[in-house]
Protein backbone atom coordinates (compact mmCIF):
# COMPACT_ATOMS: atom_id res chain seq x y z
CA MET A 1 -29.17 -48.97 14.52
CA PHE A 2 -27.44 -48.46 10.99
CA THR A 3 -29.61 -48.31 8.18
CA ARG A 4 -28.71 -49.20 4.60
CA ARG A 5 -28.94 -45.46 4.07
CA ASN A 6 -26.96 -44.84 7.34
CA LEU A 7 -23.91 -46.83 6.25
CA LEU A 8 -23.66 -45.59 2.68
CA ALA A 9 -23.61 -41.98 3.99
CA ALA A 10 -21.29 -42.78 6.53
CA GLY A 11 -18.96 -44.58 4.31
CA SER A 12 -18.72 -41.44 2.13
CA ALA A 13 -17.36 -39.76 5.33
CA GLY A 14 -15.08 -42.42 6.27
CA ALA A 15 -12.85 -41.82 3.12
CA VAL A 16 -11.98 -38.63 4.86
CA ALA A 17 -8.52 -39.71 6.72
CA LEU A 18 -7.89 -37.83 10.10
CA ALA A 19 -4.34 -36.89 11.46
CA GLY A 20 -2.67 -34.53 13.68
CA ALA A 21 0.11 -32.54 12.19
CA GLY A 22 3.34 -34.26 11.68
CA SER A 23 1.39 -37.30 12.48
CA ALA A 24 2.12 -40.37 10.43
CA ARG A 25 -1.13 -42.25 11.65
CA ALA A 26 -4.28 -41.50 10.19
CA GLN A 27 -7.48 -42.61 11.00
CA ALA A 28 -9.55 -44.55 8.77
CA ARG A 29 -12.87 -46.42 9.08
CA TRP A 30 -13.96 -47.77 5.35
CA GLN A 31 -17.03 -49.89 4.38
CA PHE A 32 -16.35 -52.54 2.10
CA ALA A 33 -19.18 -54.51 0.07
CA THR A 34 -19.18 -57.82 -1.45
CA PRO A 35 -21.34 -59.73 -3.05
CA TYR A 36 -20.69 -63.21 -1.74
CA GLN A 37 -21.90 -65.43 1.01
CA ASP A 38 -19.73 -65.86 4.09
CA THR A 39 -19.00 -69.26 3.33
CA ASN A 40 -17.45 -69.01 0.10
CA PHE A 41 -13.41 -69.03 -0.49
CA HIS A 42 -13.34 -65.37 -1.64
CA THR A 43 -15.26 -64.07 1.28
CA LYS A 44 -12.96 -65.86 3.85
CA ASN A 45 -9.83 -64.42 2.20
CA VAL A 46 -11.46 -61.08 2.13
CA LYS A 47 -11.82 -61.37 5.87
CA ALA A 48 -8.82 -62.52 6.14
CA PHE A 49 -7.32 -59.15 4.07
CA VAL A 50 -9.21 -57.38 6.39
CA GLU A 51 -7.49 -58.49 9.69
CA ASP A 52 -4.29 -58.45 7.90
CA VAL A 53 -4.42 -54.52 7.44
CA ALA A 54 -5.94 -53.97 10.60
CA LYS A 55 -2.85 -55.62 12.38
CA ALA A 56 -0.64 -54.39 9.95
CA THR A 57 -2.06 -50.58 10.89
CA ASN A 58 -2.56 -51.22 14.55
CA ASN A 59 -6.11 -50.71 13.70
CA ALA A 60 -5.71 -47.23 12.52
CA VAL A 61 -7.30 -48.86 9.22
CA ALA A 62 -10.64 -50.54 10.24
CA ILE A 63 -12.64 -51.98 7.54
CA GLN A 64 -16.15 -53.06 7.99
CA LEU A 65 -17.05 -55.84 5.68
CA HIS A 66 -20.35 -56.33 4.69
CA THR A 67 -21.24 -59.76 2.47
CA ASN A 68 -23.90 -61.31 0.43
CA ALA A 69 -25.06 -58.07 -1.09
CA SER A 70 -26.35 -56.50 2.44
CA LEU A 71 -24.94 -53.17 1.14
CA LEU A 72 -24.90 -53.07 -2.46
CA PRO A 73 -25.78 -55.57 -5.34
CA MET A 74 -22.95 -56.76 -7.40
CA ALA A 75 -24.15 -54.25 -10.04
CA GLN A 76 -23.76 -51.42 -7.93
CA ILE A 77 -20.60 -52.09 -6.12
CA LYS A 78 -17.95 -50.59 -8.49
CA ALA A 79 -19.68 -47.31 -9.13
CA GLY A 80 -20.80 -47.24 -5.19
CA VAL A 81 -16.73 -47.30 -4.59
CA GLN A 82 -16.28 -44.69 -7.70
CA ARG A 83 -18.23 -42.38 -6.14
CA GLY A 84 -17.09 -43.12 -2.47
CA GLN A 85 -20.48 -44.45 -1.01
CA VAL A 86 -17.87 -47.54 0.11
CA GLN A 87 -14.21 -47.61 -0.31
CA MET A 88 -13.54 -50.82 -1.31
CA GLY A 89 -15.12 -53.40 -3.39
CA GLU A 90 -15.08 -56.64 -4.62
CA ILE A 91 -16.25 -57.83 -8.08
CA LEU A 92 -16.73 -60.37 -10.55
CA THR A 93 -14.83 -58.10 -13.15
CA SER A 94 -16.43 -60.10 -15.90
CA ALA A 95 -20.06 -59.40 -14.98
CA TYR A 96 -18.89 -55.61 -15.98
CA GLY A 97 -18.58 -56.75 -19.63
CA ASN A 98 -21.38 -54.69 -20.67
CA GLU A 99 -19.62 -51.45 -19.78
CA ASP A 100 -16.15 -52.40 -21.14
CA ALA A 101 -15.64 -55.86 -23.15
CA PHE A 102 -12.03 -55.92 -21.82
CA PHE A 103 -13.39 -57.09 -18.51
CA GLU A 104 -14.97 -60.31 -20.15
CA VAL A 105 -11.29 -61.67 -21.07
CA ASP A 106 -11.06 -64.32 -18.37
CA GLY A 107 -14.86 -65.50 -19.17
CA ILE A 108 -14.19 -66.89 -22.73
CA PRO A 109 -14.63 -70.31 -22.55
CA VAL A 110 -11.80 -72.79 -22.13
CA LEU A 111 -9.05 -70.06 -23.43
CA ALA A 112 -7.28 -70.45 -20.44
CA PRO A 113 -7.62 -74.30 -19.50
CA ASN A 114 -5.56 -74.53 -16.56
CA TYR A 115 -4.24 -72.61 -13.54
CA ASP A 116 -1.02 -72.27 -14.90
CA ASP A 117 -2.37 -70.67 -18.05
CA VAL A 118 -4.73 -68.68 -15.76
CA GLN A 119 -2.38 -67.26 -13.97
CA LYS A 120 -0.36 -66.11 -17.15
CA LEU A 121 -3.48 -64.70 -18.87
CA ALA A 122 -4.36 -62.46 -15.75
CA ARG A 123 -0.23 -61.06 -15.47
CA LEU A 124 -0.51 -60.04 -19.02
CA ALA A 125 -4.13 -58.59 -18.79
CA ARG A 126 -3.34 -56.70 -15.69
CA PRO A 127 -1.66 -53.23 -16.33
CA TYR A 128 -4.79 -53.08 -19.17
CA LEU A 129 -7.37 -53.74 -15.95
CA GLU A 130 -5.52 -50.94 -13.81
CA ALA A 131 -5.33 -48.59 -16.11
CA ARG A 132 -9.41 -48.91 -16.41
CA PHE A 133 -9.78 -48.67 -13.21
CA GLN A 134 -7.18 -45.56 -13.00
CA ARG A 135 -8.99 -43.48 -15.19
CA GLN A 136 -12.25 -43.95 -13.09
CA GLY A 137 -10.62 -42.94 -9.95
CA MET A 138 -10.00 -46.60 -8.55
CA MET A 139 -6.88 -48.77 -7.99
CA VAL A 140 -6.72 -52.53 -8.14
CA LEU A 141 -5.43 -54.43 -5.32
CA TYR A 142 -5.69 -58.14 -6.26
CA THR A 143 -7.33 -60.66 -8.17
CA VAL A 144 -8.25 -63.94 -7.63
CA PRO A 145 -9.21 -66.94 -9.96
CA TRP A 146 -12.54 -68.94 -9.45
CA PRO A 147 -12.33 -72.63 -9.96
CA PRO A 148 -13.42 -73.67 -13.14
CA GLY A 149 -16.61 -74.00 -14.21
CA GLY A 150 -19.13 -77.04 -15.03
CA PHE A 151 -22.52 -77.55 -16.03
CA TYR A 152 -25.72 -78.18 -13.81
CA SER A 153 -28.45 -79.78 -15.39
CA ASN A 154 -31.02 -82.25 -14.28
CA ALA A 155 -29.96 -84.74 -17.06
CA PRO A 156 -26.29 -85.89 -18.51
CA VAL A 157 -24.91 -83.28 -20.81
CA THR A 158 -23.67 -85.86 -23.63
CA ASN A 159 -23.04 -82.45 -26.10
CA LEU A 160 -24.31 -78.94 -26.22
CA ASP A 161 -27.52 -79.62 -28.12
CA VAL A 162 -29.18 -80.82 -24.63
CA PHE A 163 -29.40 -77.26 -23.83
CA LYS A 164 -31.05 -76.07 -26.97
CA GLY A 165 -34.56 -74.24 -26.51
CA THR A 166 -33.85 -74.36 -22.74
CA ARG A 167 -33.72 -71.23 -20.59
CA PHE A 168 -30.04 -71.33 -19.64
CA ARG A 169 -28.77 -69.13 -16.61
CA THR A 170 -26.22 -66.28 -17.29
CA PHE A 171 -24.12 -63.89 -15.15
CA ASN A 172 -22.38 -61.95 -17.56
CA ALA A 173 -22.25 -60.82 -21.18
CA MET A 174 -20.02 -63.26 -21.82
CA THR A 175 -22.18 -66.28 -20.81
CA ASN A 176 -25.07 -64.64 -22.46
CA ARG A 177 -23.44 -64.80 -25.75
CA PHE A 178 -22.19 -68.45 -24.90
CA ALA A 179 -26.09 -69.58 -24.40
CA THR A 180 -27.19 -68.06 -27.94
CA LEU A 181 -24.14 -69.67 -29.65
CA MET A 182 -25.59 -73.04 -28.55
CA GLY A 183 -29.37 -72.28 -29.07
CA ALA A 184 -30.44 -71.62 -25.41
CA ASN A 185 -32.55 -68.67 -24.22
CA PRO A 186 -29.71 -66.59 -21.73
CA THR A 187 -31.62 -65.70 -18.94
CA LEU A 188 -29.86 -63.41 -16.04
CA VAL A 189 -29.73 -64.72 -12.51
CA GLN A 190 -27.50 -63.52 -10.12
CA ALA A 191 -25.87 -66.78 -7.64
CA THR A 192 -28.18 -65.65 -4.31
CA GLU A 193 -31.35 -66.19 -6.97
CA VAL A 194 -30.30 -69.50 -8.58
CA PRO A 195 -31.88 -72.17 -6.30
CA GLN A 196 -35.63 -70.49 -6.47
CA ALA A 197 -34.97 -69.84 -10.44
CA PHE A 198 -34.48 -73.71 -10.91
CA ALA A 199 -37.18 -74.57 -8.76
CA THR A 200 -39.47 -72.42 -10.38
CA GLY A 201 -38.53 -73.30 -13.94
CA VAL A 202 -36.96 -69.98 -14.67
CA ILE A 203 -34.20 -71.73 -16.04
CA GLN A 204 -33.18 -75.34 -16.88
CA GLY A 205 -29.23 -75.10 -16.67
CA MET A 206 -26.34 -73.08 -16.01
CA VAL A 207 -22.47 -73.36 -16.16
CA THR A 208 -20.66 -71.78 -12.99
CA SER A 209 -18.01 -73.37 -10.40
CA ALA A 210 -18.23 -75.96 -7.91
CA ALA A 211 -17.67 -73.36 -5.39
CA THR A 212 -21.08 -71.46 -6.16
CA GLY A 213 -22.81 -75.13 -6.65
CA VAL A 214 -22.17 -75.53 -2.95
CA ASP A 215 -23.01 -71.96 -1.99
CA THR A 216 -26.38 -72.63 -3.36
CA GLN A 217 -26.59 -76.34 -2.42
CA ALA A 218 -27.10 -77.19 -5.94
CA TRP A 219 -28.04 -80.76 -4.78
CA ASP A 220 -31.66 -79.21 -4.02
CA TYR A 221 -32.25 -78.34 -7.50
CA CYS A 222 -29.97 -80.46 -9.68
CA LYS A 223 -28.91 -83.90 -10.33
CA VAL A 224 -25.92 -83.87 -12.48
CA TYR A 225 -22.76 -81.91 -12.67
CA THR A 226 -19.98 -82.05 -15.41
CA PRO A 227 -16.91 -80.56 -14.94
CA VAL A 228 -15.53 -79.13 -18.04
CA GLY A 229 -12.90 -76.50 -17.01
CA PHE A 230 -15.17 -73.80 -18.80
CA SER A 231 -13.46 -70.59 -17.52
CA TYR A 232 -11.81 -69.43 -14.23
CA THR A 233 -13.02 -65.75 -14.05
CA ASN A 234 -11.47 -63.31 -11.92
CA ASN A 235 -12.89 -61.61 -8.92
CA ALA A 236 -10.96 -58.13 -8.45
CA VAL A 237 -10.94 -56.56 -4.76
CA PHE A 238 -10.19 -52.64 -5.22
CA VAL A 239 -10.12 -49.32 -3.30
CA ASN A 240 -11.57 -46.17 -3.75
CA ARG A 241 -8.25 -43.98 -5.02
CA ARG A 242 -8.74 -40.75 -3.14
CA ALA A 243 -9.75 -42.85 0.08
CA PHE A 244 -6.51 -44.57 -0.35
CA GLU A 245 -3.85 -41.97 -1.09
CA ALA A 246 -5.52 -40.30 2.25
CA LEU A 247 -3.47 -42.42 4.27
CA SER A 248 0.06 -42.01 5.22
CA ALA A 249 2.69 -43.87 3.15
CA ALA A 250 3.38 -46.79 5.88
CA GLN A 251 -0.60 -47.32 6.08
CA GLN A 252 -0.36 -47.32 1.91
CA ALA A 253 2.43 -50.01 1.96
CA ALA A 254 0.58 -52.33 4.77
CA ILE A 255 -2.44 -52.59 2.63
CA LYS A 256 -0.47 -53.43 -0.84
CA GLU A 257 1.49 -56.11 1.14
CA ALA A 258 -1.58 -57.36 2.42
CA ALA A 259 -2.97 -57.66 -1.08
CA ALA A 260 -0.27 -59.46 -2.49
CA THR A 261 -0.45 -61.73 0.36
CA ALA A 262 -4.08 -62.28 -0.26
CA GLN A 263 -3.85 -62.89 -3.87
CA SER A 264 -1.13 -65.87 -3.26
CA ARG A 265 -3.49 -67.23 -0.56
CA GLY A 266 -6.69 -66.96 -2.93
CA LEU A 267 -4.83 -68.53 -5.40
CA GLN A 268 -4.22 -71.48 -3.30
CA MET A 269 -7.52 -71.44 -1.77
CA SER A 270 -9.36 -71.22 -5.43
CA LYS A 271 -7.06 -74.69 -6.30
CA ASP A 272 -8.30 -76.29 -2.86
CA ALA A 273 -12.05 -75.36 -3.23
CA GLU A 274 -12.09 -76.91 -6.70
CA LYS A 275 -11.47 -80.45 -5.50
CA GLU A 276 -13.29 -79.85 -2.05
CA THR A 277 -16.55 -78.39 -3.40
CA THR A 278 -16.61 -81.23 -6.48
CA ASP A 279 -16.10 -83.73 -3.98
CA THR A 280 -19.33 -82.07 -1.69
CA LEU A 281 -21.37 -82.01 -4.50
CA ALA A 282 -20.92 -85.95 -5.31
CA ALA A 283 -21.28 -86.58 -1.35
CA ARG A 284 -24.55 -84.76 -1.50
CA GLY A 285 -25.85 -87.18 -3.93
CA MET A 286 -25.11 -85.12 -7.48
CA GLN A 287 -23.72 -86.97 -10.36
CA VAL A 288 -20.17 -85.90 -11.25
CA LEU A 289 -19.69 -86.64 -14.95
CA GLN A 290 -17.02 -86.19 -16.90
CA PRO A 291 -17.64 -84.46 -20.49
CA SER A 292 -17.41 -86.29 -23.54
CA ASP A 293 -15.20 -85.73 -26.64
CA THR A 294 -17.85 -84.58 -28.62
CA LEU A 295 -19.05 -82.08 -25.76
CA ARG A 296 -15.15 -81.01 -25.56
CA GLN A 297 -14.93 -80.49 -29.54
CA GLN A 298 -18.22 -78.34 -29.34
CA LEU A 299 -16.33 -76.10 -26.48
CA ALA A 300 -13.30 -75.56 -28.46
CA ALA A 301 -15.04 -74.63 -31.81
CA ILE A 302 -17.30 -71.79 -29.89
CA SER A 303 -14.13 -70.75 -27.93
CA ARG A 304 -12.67 -69.70 -31.17
CA THR A 305 -15.63 -67.92 -32.26
CA ILE A 306 -16.07 -66.02 -29.01
CA THR A 307 -12.51 -65.26 -28.81
CA ASP A 308 -12.61 -63.50 -32.37
CA GLU A 309 -15.83 -61.60 -31.46
CA TRP A 310 -13.65 -60.31 -28.21
CA VAL A 311 -10.56 -59.25 -30.10
CA ALA A 312 -12.75 -57.43 -32.92
CA ARG A 313 -14.78 -55.57 -29.76
CA THR A 314 -12.08 -54.59 -27.93
CA GLY A 315 -9.53 -53.42 -30.67
CA GLU A 316 -5.81 -53.19 -30.23
CA ASP A 317 -5.51 -53.56 -26.81
CA GLY A 318 -7.47 -57.21 -26.91
CA LYS A 319 -5.29 -58.02 -29.89
CA LYS A 320 -2.20 -57.34 -28.16
CA LEU A 321 -3.26 -59.12 -24.98
CA ILE A 322 -4.16 -62.31 -27.26
CA GLU A 323 -1.16 -62.15 -29.26
CA SER A 324 1.10 -61.81 -26.09
CA TYR A 325 -0.78 -64.84 -24.18
CA ARG A 326 -0.28 -66.96 -27.27
CA ALA A 327 3.50 -66.24 -27.73
């Protein structure tokens, strides 16, 4: 039986491609770590990607997927791929804002308020993202946005003042700053720990997508969901560059093609998930309340502050990106 340590050791060895002399068919056995549950649409998309790769390469590139942080937690996945412990990983890029502030751009509240703007921002940010991963020996394969976030609470959120003094769940540097600006106490809690955190009073509110609400069965710990289009944060799927370059040219092309398909499919799944998961929250008994004008105005004011701070922290790259996005 494989233990976690066995799998990591096997993963390092799996980066080596075996090929006969003159043969274009290298054998690769890769490990893929993702922190999300099997029910999440990102995971479903990843599974389809893995199947597409196996089919396109005639099973010469076999990828073993480890979901729900069963092999590595979110905070360790990027470093695990960089070191070659695993060959592939999926992360919420904004969760790595403490490493590089540029990763936080899609977490700026209401900067990109709809899917069209989200795609534009992601397209403009992609070269900067790829350059950062490349410097660390990795390659971005595709990105997919989460549906927009909303507030979870046990009372109606008519304005941000209701969160003052409360313990507010955060999951990256951007949500941490947002909680501080509205007068709440930022409390870092991973998605899998949210139900217990609410039940034990560790947190009293959070902002995240309806998809995460369904994954964590929010109706068991919250009464109200207020969709505000908070942010469409992106997940990135990426690969260890040495492992990728050990493959044949045909296999590399097959993986890139499967990644392009996964990006398009994932975008549509995100759009579908927004409606489906919001409907599920309502069907399970949660109140789905539309935001007031006051709440929208408060969000816009905080967004301007956070955008200016982000540009100041990211320097010329951040300035160029925001200018091109707004042009």
